[in-house]
Protein backbone atom coordinates (compact mmCIF):
# COMPACT_ATOMS: atom_id res chain seq x y z
CA MET A 1 0.18 -0.13 -0.09
CA ASN A 2 0.96 3.57 -0.96
CA GLY A 3 0.75 6.13 1.83
CA ILE A 4 -0.07 9.94 1.98
CA ILE A 5 1.37 11.39 5.03
CA ASN A 6 -1.50 13.68 6.75
CA TYR A 7 -0.32 16.29 9.41
CA ASN A 8 -2.73 18.97 8.52
CA MET A 9 -0.09 21.03 6.04
CA GLY A 10 -0.89 19.53 2.88
CA ASN A 11 -3.02 19.74 -0.18
CA LEU A 12 -3.93 16.16 0.24
CA GLN A 13 -7.28 16.12 -2.04
CA SER A 14 -4.88 17.16 -4.71
CA VAL A 15 -2.75 14.36 -4.53
CA LYS A 16 -5.00 12.00 -4.05
CA ASN A 17 -6.98 12.92 -7.15
CA ALA A 18 -3.23 12.28 -8.85
CA PHE A 19 -3.49 8.77 -7.47
CA SER A 20 -6.64 8.49 -8.25
CA LYS A 21 -6.10 9.16 -12.27
CA LEU A 22 -3.49 6.71 -12.24
CA ASP A 23 -5.58 3.98 -10.70
CA PHE A 24 -3.34 3.40 -7.69
CA GLN A 25 -4.56 3.21 -4.25
CA ALA A 26 -2.95 5.34 -1.43
CA GLU A 27 -3.62 5.57 2.23
CA VAL A 28 -3.84 8.92 3.72
CA VAL A 29 -2.10 8.61 6.99
CA SER A 30 -1.90 10.05 10.50
CA ASP A 31 -0.80 7.45 12.73
CA PRO A 32 3.10 7.17 12.72
CA ASP A 33 2.66 3.42 13.48
CA LYS A 34 1.05 2.69 10.44
CA LEU A 35 4.14 3.78 8.80
CA LYS A 36 6.08 0.56 8.70
CA ASP A 37 3.68 -1.28 6.74
CA LEU A 38 3.62 0.76 3.82
CA GLU A 39 5.46 0.21 0.68
CA ARG A 40 6.16 3.95 -0.28
CA VAL A 41 4.98 7.26 1.35
CA LEU A 42 4.73 10.74 -0.05
CA LEU A 43 5.10 13.77 2.02
CA PRO A 44 3.22 16.68 0.63
CA GLY A 45 3.45 20.19 2.12
CA VAL A 46 1.98 23.58 2.11
CA GLY A 47 3.07 26.25 4.36
CA ALA A 48 5.75 27.28 6.76
CA PHE A 49 8.55 24.88 7.57
CA GLY A 50 8.63 25.78 11.37
CA ASP A 51 4.78 25.15 11.47
CA ALA A 52 5.27 22.05 9.56
CA MET A 53 7.86 20.38 11.58
CA ASP A 54 5.66 21.17 14.99
CA HIS A 55 3.08 19.45 13.44
CA LEU A 56 5.23 16.39 12.80
CA LYS A 57 6.52 16.28 16.02
CA GLN A 58 3.18 16.32 17.97
CA ASN A 59 2.76 12.48 17.61
CA GLY A 60 6.35 11.30 16.92
CA MET A 61 5.50 11.37 12.84
CA ASP A 62 8.98 12.61 12.45
CA GLU A 63 10.87 10.00 14.00
CA ALA A 64 8.68 7.57 12.07
CA ILE A 65 9.39 9.06 8.36
CA VAL A 66 13.19 8.60 9.41
CA GLU A 67 12.96 5.10 10.27
CA PHE A 68 10.75 5.25 7.29
CA ALA A 69 13.53 6.43 5.05
CA LYS A 70 15.96 4.09 6.86
CA SER A 71 14.36 0.77 6.01
CA GLY A 72 15.00 1.65 2.25
CA LYS A 73 11.56 1.98 0.83
CA PRO A 74 11.04 5.11 -1.26
CA ILE A 75 10.11 8.36 0.01
CA LEU A 76 8.87 11.25 -1.88
CA GLY A 77 8.76 14.96 -0.47
CA ILE A 78 6.61 18.03 -2.64
CA CYS A 79 7.12 21.45 -2.09
CA LEU A 80 7.41 22.06 1.87
CA GLY A 81 7.31 18.25 1.99
CA MET A 82 10.90 18.13 0.14
CA GLN A 83 12.23 21.35 1.94
CA LEU A 84 11.34 19.16 5.46
CA LEU A 85 13.86 16.00 4.32
CA PHE A 86 16.89 18.64 4.69
CA GLU A 87 18.56 19.43 8.07
CA LYS A 88 17.63 22.93 8.46
CA SER A 89 15.67 26.14 7.04
CA CYS A 90 15.92 29.99 7.51
CA GLU A 91 12.07 30.43 7.24
CA PHE A 92 10.99 33.01 10.31
CA GLY A 93 13.88 32.09 12.58
CA GLU A 94 16.42 28.90 11.94
CA HIS A 95 14.28 25.62 12.51
CA LYS A 96 15.65 22.08 12.31
CA GLY A 97 14.42 19.53 9.59
CA LEU A 98 14.19 15.93 9.61
CA GLY A 99 18.04 15.77 8.44
CA LEU A 100 17.63 12.93 5.65
CA ILE A 101 19.46 14.95 3.34
CA GLU A 102 22.53 17.30 3.88
CA GLY A 103 21.56 20.79 2.82
CA GLU A 104 19.33 24.13 4.01
CA ILE A 105 16.43 25.74 2.93
CA VAL A 106 17.32 29.57 1.98
CA LYS A 107 14.91 32.60 1.06
CA PHE A 108 14.98 33.64 -2.87
CA ASP A 109 18.03 36.15 -2.78
CA LYS A 110 16.25 39.14 -4.56
CA LYS A 111 19.68 40.84 -4.56
CA ALA A 112 21.36 38.38 -6.80
CA PHE A 113 18.49 38.17 -9.37
CA ASP A 114 19.80 38.94 -12.84
CA THR A 115 16.04 40.81 -13.68
CA PRO A 116 13.68 41.89 -10.91
CA LEU A 117 11.29 39.34 -10.20
CA LYS A 118 8.40 38.92 -7.90
CA ILE A 119 8.44 36.60 -4.46
CA PRO A 120 6.91 33.90 -3.90
CA HIS A 121 8.20 32.25 -7.28
CA MET A 122 4.71 31.17 -8.58
CA GLY A 123 3.55 29.68 -12.13
CA TRP A 124 4.62 27.21 -14.87
CA ASN A 125 8.36 27.01 -14.86
CA GLU A 126 10.97 24.85 -16.36
CA ILE A 127 12.88 22.25 -15.18
CA GLU A 128 16.15 20.77 -16.31
CA ILE A 129 16.61 17.51 -15.13
CA LYS A 130 18.96 14.48 -14.77
CA GLN A 131 17.52 11.36 -16.13
CA ASN A 132 16.53 8.96 -13.55
CA GLN A 133 13.74 6.76 -12.29
CA LEU A 134 11.48 9.69 -11.01
CA PHE A 135 12.12 11.46 -14.56
CA LYS A 136 11.74 8.21 -16.48
CA GLY A 137 9.97 9.18 -20.25
CA LEU A 138 10.11 12.84 -19.63
CA ASN A 139 12.29 15.11 -21.66
CA GLU A 140 15.51 16.70 -20.63
CA LYS A 141 13.25 19.98 -19.90
CA PHE A 142 9.72 20.64 -19.11
CA TYR A 143 7.36 22.77 -17.63
CA LEU A 144 5.80 21.94 -13.83
CA TYR A 145 3.53 24.42 -11.55
CA PHE A 146 5.80 26.24 -8.68
CA VAL A 147 4.60 27.83 -5.37
CA HIS A 148 7.62 29.07 -2.85
CA SER A 149 9.41 31.79 -1.61
CA TYR A 150 12.16 29.37 -0.21
CA HIS A 151 14.47 26.97 -1.93
CA VAL A 152 17.26 24.46 -1.07
CA VAL A 153 21.09 24.76 -1.07
CA CYS A 154 22.55 21.37 -1.29
CA ASP A 155 25.57 19.32 -2.34
CA GLU A 156 25.41 18.79 -6.21
CA ARG A 157 25.76 15.08 -6.02
CA PHE A 158 21.93 15.30 -4.43
CA ALA A 159 20.61 17.76 -7.47
CA ILE A 160 18.34 15.66 -10.21
CA GLY A 161 16.59 19.23 -11.19
CA LYS A 162 17.41 22.93 -11.63
CA THR A 163 15.23 25.50 -12.33
CA HIS A 164 15.85 29.26 -13.13
CA TYR A 165 14.29 32.03 -11.24
CA GLY A 166 16.27 35.19 -10.86
CA TYR A 167 19.09 32.63 -10.82
CA GLU A 168 19.49 28.92 -11.13
CA PHE A 169 18.27 26.83 -8.33
CA VAL A 170 18.09 23.13 -7.25
CA SER A 171 14.49 22.35 -7.75
CA ALA A 172 14.75 18.23 -7.57
CA VAL A 173 16.54 16.29 -5.34
CA MET A 174 17.41 12.36 -4.66
CA LYS A 175 19.53 10.71 -2.10
CA GLU A 176 19.64 6.75 -2.44
CA ASN A 177 15.59 5.97 -1.72
CA ILE A 178 14.90 9.58 -0.85
CA TYR A 179 13.07 11.84 -3.38
CA GLY A 180 12.16 15.53 -3.25
CA ILE A 181 10.82 17.78 -5.58
CA GLN A 182 9.81 21.45 -5.29
CA PRO A 183 7.23 22.37 -7.82
CA HIS A 184 3.73 20.46 -7.27
CA PRO A 185 3.58 17.48 -9.87
CA GLU A 186 -0.12 17.07 -8.39
CA LYS A 187 -0.91 20.59 -10.25
CA SER A 188 1.21 20.39 -13.08
CA HIS A 189 -0.92 17.88 -15.40
CA ASN A 190 0.36 15.15 -18.01
CA ASN A 191 4.35 15.79 -16.69
CA GLY A 192 3.45 16.03 -13.31
CA LEU A 193 1.33 12.80 -13.10
CA LYS A 194 4.33 10.94 -14.99
CA ILE A 195 6.70 12.10 -12.10
CA VAL A 196 3.87 10.53 -9.58
CA GLU A 197 3.40 7.33 -11.58
CA ASN A 198 7.05 7.06 -11.84
CA PHE A 199 7.49 7.32 -7.99
CA LEU A 200 4.71 4.78 -7.66
CA LYS A 201 6.83 2.15 -9.53
CA VAL A 202 10.44 2.59 -7.77
CA LYS A 203 10.80 -0.76 -5.94
């Protein structure tokens, strides 16, 4: 069974709809004890990093996610869910993340932009990828839907997708069985559905 983690900060219905369109079943999981029985899990997220970590800690879901990742089973973080996979965030103060991937979350630096742009980064933008299981069957460049004001800074070895908004930033990551993508595949039509489908086939 596939699981979608519910910690009251994710766009669960959109994610569930994506699973349904692909004819895959998924259980929305609020009980951390149930994670160990799942084949793979998706960690969605909308909102502030610190609030999200507080929600995860309330019932021990943070520790359950770490243990799940250590088991070698696939886990995918989407948008804020991807950011939570990292060590820390600078959003409204410094907050410790799940620490599954080395790196941190920082705000877009408007002073470094090559052209004046609005924050948050919102709308359709291009992602350039490194071919791997998550992007199987997709072109090297394609468009996805973004909504965020913060982005990850991490070692190049974890970067499997990059996007340009004012400057180039990492928009997709992978470390062994742990995947993350900054845009919303569940809101990105066929390209996004393909990413979800690929994740649901990862062994």
